[in-house]
Amino acid sequence: MGELTFSPLKDELEELVAFFIENTWEFHRDPYPSKYKIMQSFQKGWFQDERATFWMNKDGEKIGLIILDDIKDSIPLFDIRLATKWRGKGYGTIAVNWIKDYIFNLPDKKIRIEAYTRYDNIPMRKTLAKSGFVKEGYLRDAWENDDGSLMDAIIYAATRSDWEQGIITPIKLNEEPF
């Protein structure tokens, strides 16, 4: 499969635009972001403000992008995007495990990492489960697409304590009386 490396996004606007427009993002709020929208977001600092953004590299090729959101918060979130031709090959799981190690090794001791995804994003749900994230909730009409449509979302999380101990603690569902 080959080794992945991760490098911070720098002043690489052309490569960023090409990455976004040459691929489709079926399970994201905007499956076909415009060149203008990407350039505007970059110029406004969206990829940096309260975020840390990294390229996923394989053999010198940028195959994915990781955006760590709320990075200054004790409970960050993330977005991961793999180029179309690299999906379904296990790189998502490698990237999510890298995200856990990166975040939990930060000096400010993050408590947990949350991941929200659409209910129908089965590849991401499988990736999160393989990477030690626990499904913690099903949220009705919680995913708003750029076209205004609503979808259900699922929240997954990995906790620092599980990561430190190398375990996965299941959540207690339906323990309260109805």
Protein backbone atom coordinates (compact mmCIF):
# COMPACT_ATOMS: atom_id res chain seq x y z
CA MET A 1 0.00 0.00 0.00
CA GLY A 2 2.88 2.38 0.60
CA GLU A 3 3.60 4.79 3.39
CA LEU A 4 1.69 8.02 3.85
CA THR A 5 3.30 11.20 5.03
CA PHE A 6 1.53 14.27 6.32
CA SER A 7 2.62 17.86 5.73
CA PRO A 8 1.05 21.18 6.75
CA LEU A 9 -0.81 23.15 4.12
CA LYS A 10 1.29 26.16 3.19
CA ASP A 11 0.78 28.78 0.52
CA GLU A 12 -0.37 26.16 -2.01
CA LEU A 13 -3.55 27.72 -3.32
CA GLU A 14 -3.25 26.33 -6.86
CA GLU A 15 -2.76 22.78 -5.61
CA LEU A 16 -5.62 23.18 -3.14
CA VAL A 17 -7.99 24.44 -5.83
CA ALA A 18 -7.00 21.62 -8.18
CA PHE A 19 -7.48 19.03 -5.44
CA PHE A 20 -11.00 20.25 -4.67
CA ILE A 21 -12.26 20.70 -8.21
CA GLU A 22 -10.69 17.56 -9.71
CA ASN A 23 -12.54 15.34 -7.22
CA THR A 24 -16.13 15.01 -6.11
CA TRP A 25 -17.24 15.16 -2.50
CA GLU A 26 -20.45 13.15 -2.49
CA PHE A 27 -20.82 13.09 1.29
CA HIS A 28 -19.88 16.71 2.03
CA ARG A 29 -22.14 19.75 2.26
CA ASP A 30 -20.98 20.96 -1.17
CA PRO A 31 -20.09 18.05 -3.48
CA TYR A 32 -18.74 20.37 -6.21
CA PRO A 33 -17.10 23.44 -4.64
CA SER A 34 -16.25 26.15 -7.13
CA LYS A 35 -12.76 27.46 -7.75
CA TYR A 36 -13.96 30.87 -6.56
CA LYS A 37 -15.33 29.47 -3.29
CA ILE A 38 -12.10 27.61 -2.51
CA MET A 39 -9.94 30.62 -3.35
CA GLN A 40 -12.14 32.90 -1.25
CA SER A 41 -12.03 30.50 1.72
CA PHE A 42 -8.26 30.23 1.47
CA GLN A 43 -7.74 33.98 1.22
CA LYS A 44 -10.01 34.58 4.22
CA GLY A 45 -7.90 32.15 6.28
CA TRP A 46 -10.55 29.45 6.57
CA PHE A 47 -8.00 26.64 6.36
CA GLN A 48 -5.95 28.18 9.19
CA ASP A 49 -8.24 30.10 11.58
CA GLU A 50 -8.94 27.78 14.51
CA ARG A 51 -7.86 24.98 12.18
CA ALA A 52 -4.78 23.01 11.23
CA THR A 53 -4.73 21.65 7.68
CA PHE A 54 -2.49 18.88 6.39
CA TRP A 55 -1.86 17.20 3.07
CA MET A 56 -1.75 13.42 2.89
CA ASN A 57 1.14 12.46 0.59
CA LYS A 58 2.01 9.17 -1.07
CA ASP A 59 5.11 8.88 -3.22
CA GLY A 60 5.20 12.66 -3.73
CA GLU A 61 1.52 12.91 -4.72
CA LYS A 62 -1.04 14.79 -2.64
CA ILE A 63 -3.77 12.18 -2.20
CA GLY A 64 -5.83 13.72 0.57
CA LEU A 65 -6.48 16.63 2.87
CA ILE A 66 -7.09 16.67 6.61
CA ILE A 67 -8.66 19.68 8.28
CA LEU A 68 -8.57 19.70 12.07
CA ASP A 69 -11.30 22.07 13.22
CA ASP A 70 -11.59 23.79 16.62
CA ILE A 71 -7.96 22.83 17.14
CA LYS A 72 -7.63 25.22 20.09
CA ASP A 73 -10.67 23.69 21.78
CA SER A 74 -10.36 20.73 24.15
CA ILE A 75 -12.64 18.70 21.84
CA PRO A 76 -11.59 19.19 18.18
CA LEU A 77 -13.36 17.88 15.10
CA PHE A 78 -11.94 16.89 11.74
CA ASP A 79 -12.70 16.68 8.06
CA ILE A 80 -10.88 14.22 5.86
CA ARG A 81 -10.97 14.20 2.07
CA LEU A 82 -9.34 11.58 -0.09
CA ALA A 83 -8.91 12.07 -3.82
CA THR A 84 -11.39 9.92 -5.70
CA LYS A 85 -8.84 7.42 -7.06
CA TRP A 86 -7.42 6.74 -3.57
CA ARG A 87 -10.71 5.89 -1.84
CA GLY A 88 -11.48 2.39 -0.68
CA LYS A 89 -7.82 1.39 -0.31
CA GLY A 90 -7.35 1.76 3.46
CA TYR A 91 -5.78 5.22 3.43
CA GLY A 92 -8.71 6.73 5.32
CA THR A 93 -8.08 4.43 8.27
CA ILE A 94 -4.37 5.29 8.26
CA ALA A 95 -5.25 8.99 8.18
CA VAL A 96 -7.81 8.77 11.00
CA ASN A 97 -5.31 6.92 13.19
CA TRP A 98 -2.72 9.60 12.38
CA ILE A 99 -5.28 12.26 13.39
CA LYS A 100 -5.81 10.56 16.76
CA ASP A 101 -2.08 10.35 17.44
CA TYR A 102 -1.49 13.93 16.30
CA ILE A 103 -4.30 15.42 18.39
CA PHE A 104 -3.73 13.37 21.53
CA ASN A 105 0.00 14.16 21.44
CA LEU A 106 -0.59 17.91 21.42
CA PRO A 107 0.73 19.58 24.59
CA ASP A 108 -2.66 20.93 25.69
CA LYS A 109 -4.12 17.46 26.36
CA LYS A 110 -7.28 17.23 24.26
CA ILE A 111 -10.13 15.36 25.97
CA ARG A 112 -11.70 13.72 22.94
CA ILE A 113 -12.06 13.98 19.16
CA GLU A 114 -15.46 14.14 17.55
CA ALA A 115 -16.43 13.19 14.02
CA TYR A 116 -19.78 13.94 12.43
CA THR A 117 -20.79 12.28 9.20
CA ARG A 118 -23.92 11.80 7.16
CA TYR A 119 -25.85 8.66 8.00
CA ASP A 120 -25.39 7.38 4.44
CA ASN A 121 -21.59 7.80 4.38
CA ILE A 122 -20.95 4.10 4.97
CA PRO A 123 -17.24 4.23 3.96
CA MET A 124 -16.53 6.89 6.59
CA ARG A 125 -18.59 5.11 9.23
CA LYS A 126 -16.57 1.93 8.61
CA THR A 127 -13.32 3.91 8.73
CA LEU A 128 -14.23 5.51 12.05
CA ALA A 129 -15.19 2.17 13.59
CA LYS A 130 -11.94 0.53 12.37
CA SER A 131 -10.01 3.44 13.88
CA GLY A 132 -11.43 3.04 17.38
CA PHE A 133 -14.12 5.69 17.22
CA VAL A 134 -17.37 4.82 18.98
CA LYS A 135 -20.77 5.70 17.55
CA GLU A 136 -22.34 7.93 20.18
CA GLY A 137 -25.42 9.35 18.57
CA TYR A 138 -27.84 9.57 15.70
CA LEU A 139 -28.93 13.14 14.96
CA ARG A 140 -32.08 13.71 12.92
CA ASP A 141 -32.02 16.56 10.36
CA ALA A 142 -28.64 17.68 11.68
CA TRP A 143 -26.65 17.80 8.43
CA GLU A 144 -27.46 20.82 6.30
CA ASN A 145 -26.23 20.68 2.73
CA ASP A 146 -25.35 23.83 0.81
CA ASP A 147 -28.49 23.33 -1.31
CA GLY A 148 -30.62 23.63 1.85
CA SER A 149 -31.54 19.95 2.07
CA LEU A 150 -31.32 18.24 5.44
CA MET A 151 -30.04 14.78 6.25
CA ASP A 152 -29.49 12.75 9.36
CA ALA A 153 -26.01 12.67 10.86
CA ILE A 154 -24.11 10.34 13.13
CA ILE A 155 -21.57 11.40 15.73
CA TYR A 156 -18.55 9.29 16.56
CA ALA A 157 -15.84 10.04 19.11
CA ALA A 158 -12.50 8.78 20.38
CA THR A 159 -11.47 9.65 23.92
CA ARG A 160 -8.03 10.40 25.27
CA SER A 161 -8.41 7.79 28.01
CA ASP A 162 -9.23 5.04 25.50
CA TRP A 163 -6.32 6.12 23.28
CA GLU A 164 -3.90 6.14 26.22
CA GLN A 165 -5.03 2.68 27.38
CA GLY A 166 -5.36 1.19 23.89
CA ILE A 167 -8.99 0.20 24.49
CA ILE A 168 -12.43 1.05 23.14
CA THR A 169 -15.02 1.71 25.82
CA PRO A 170 -18.57 1.12 24.58
CA ILE A 171 -21.21 3.66 25.51
CA LYS A 172 -24.22 2.79 27.66
CA LEU A 173 -27.30 3.05 25.48
CA ASN A 174 -30.82 3.07 26.82
CA GLU A 175 -29.79 2.74 30.46
CA GLU A 176 -32.46 5.18 31.63
CA PRO A 177 -36.03 3.97 32.13
CA PHE A 178 -38.54 5.00 29.49
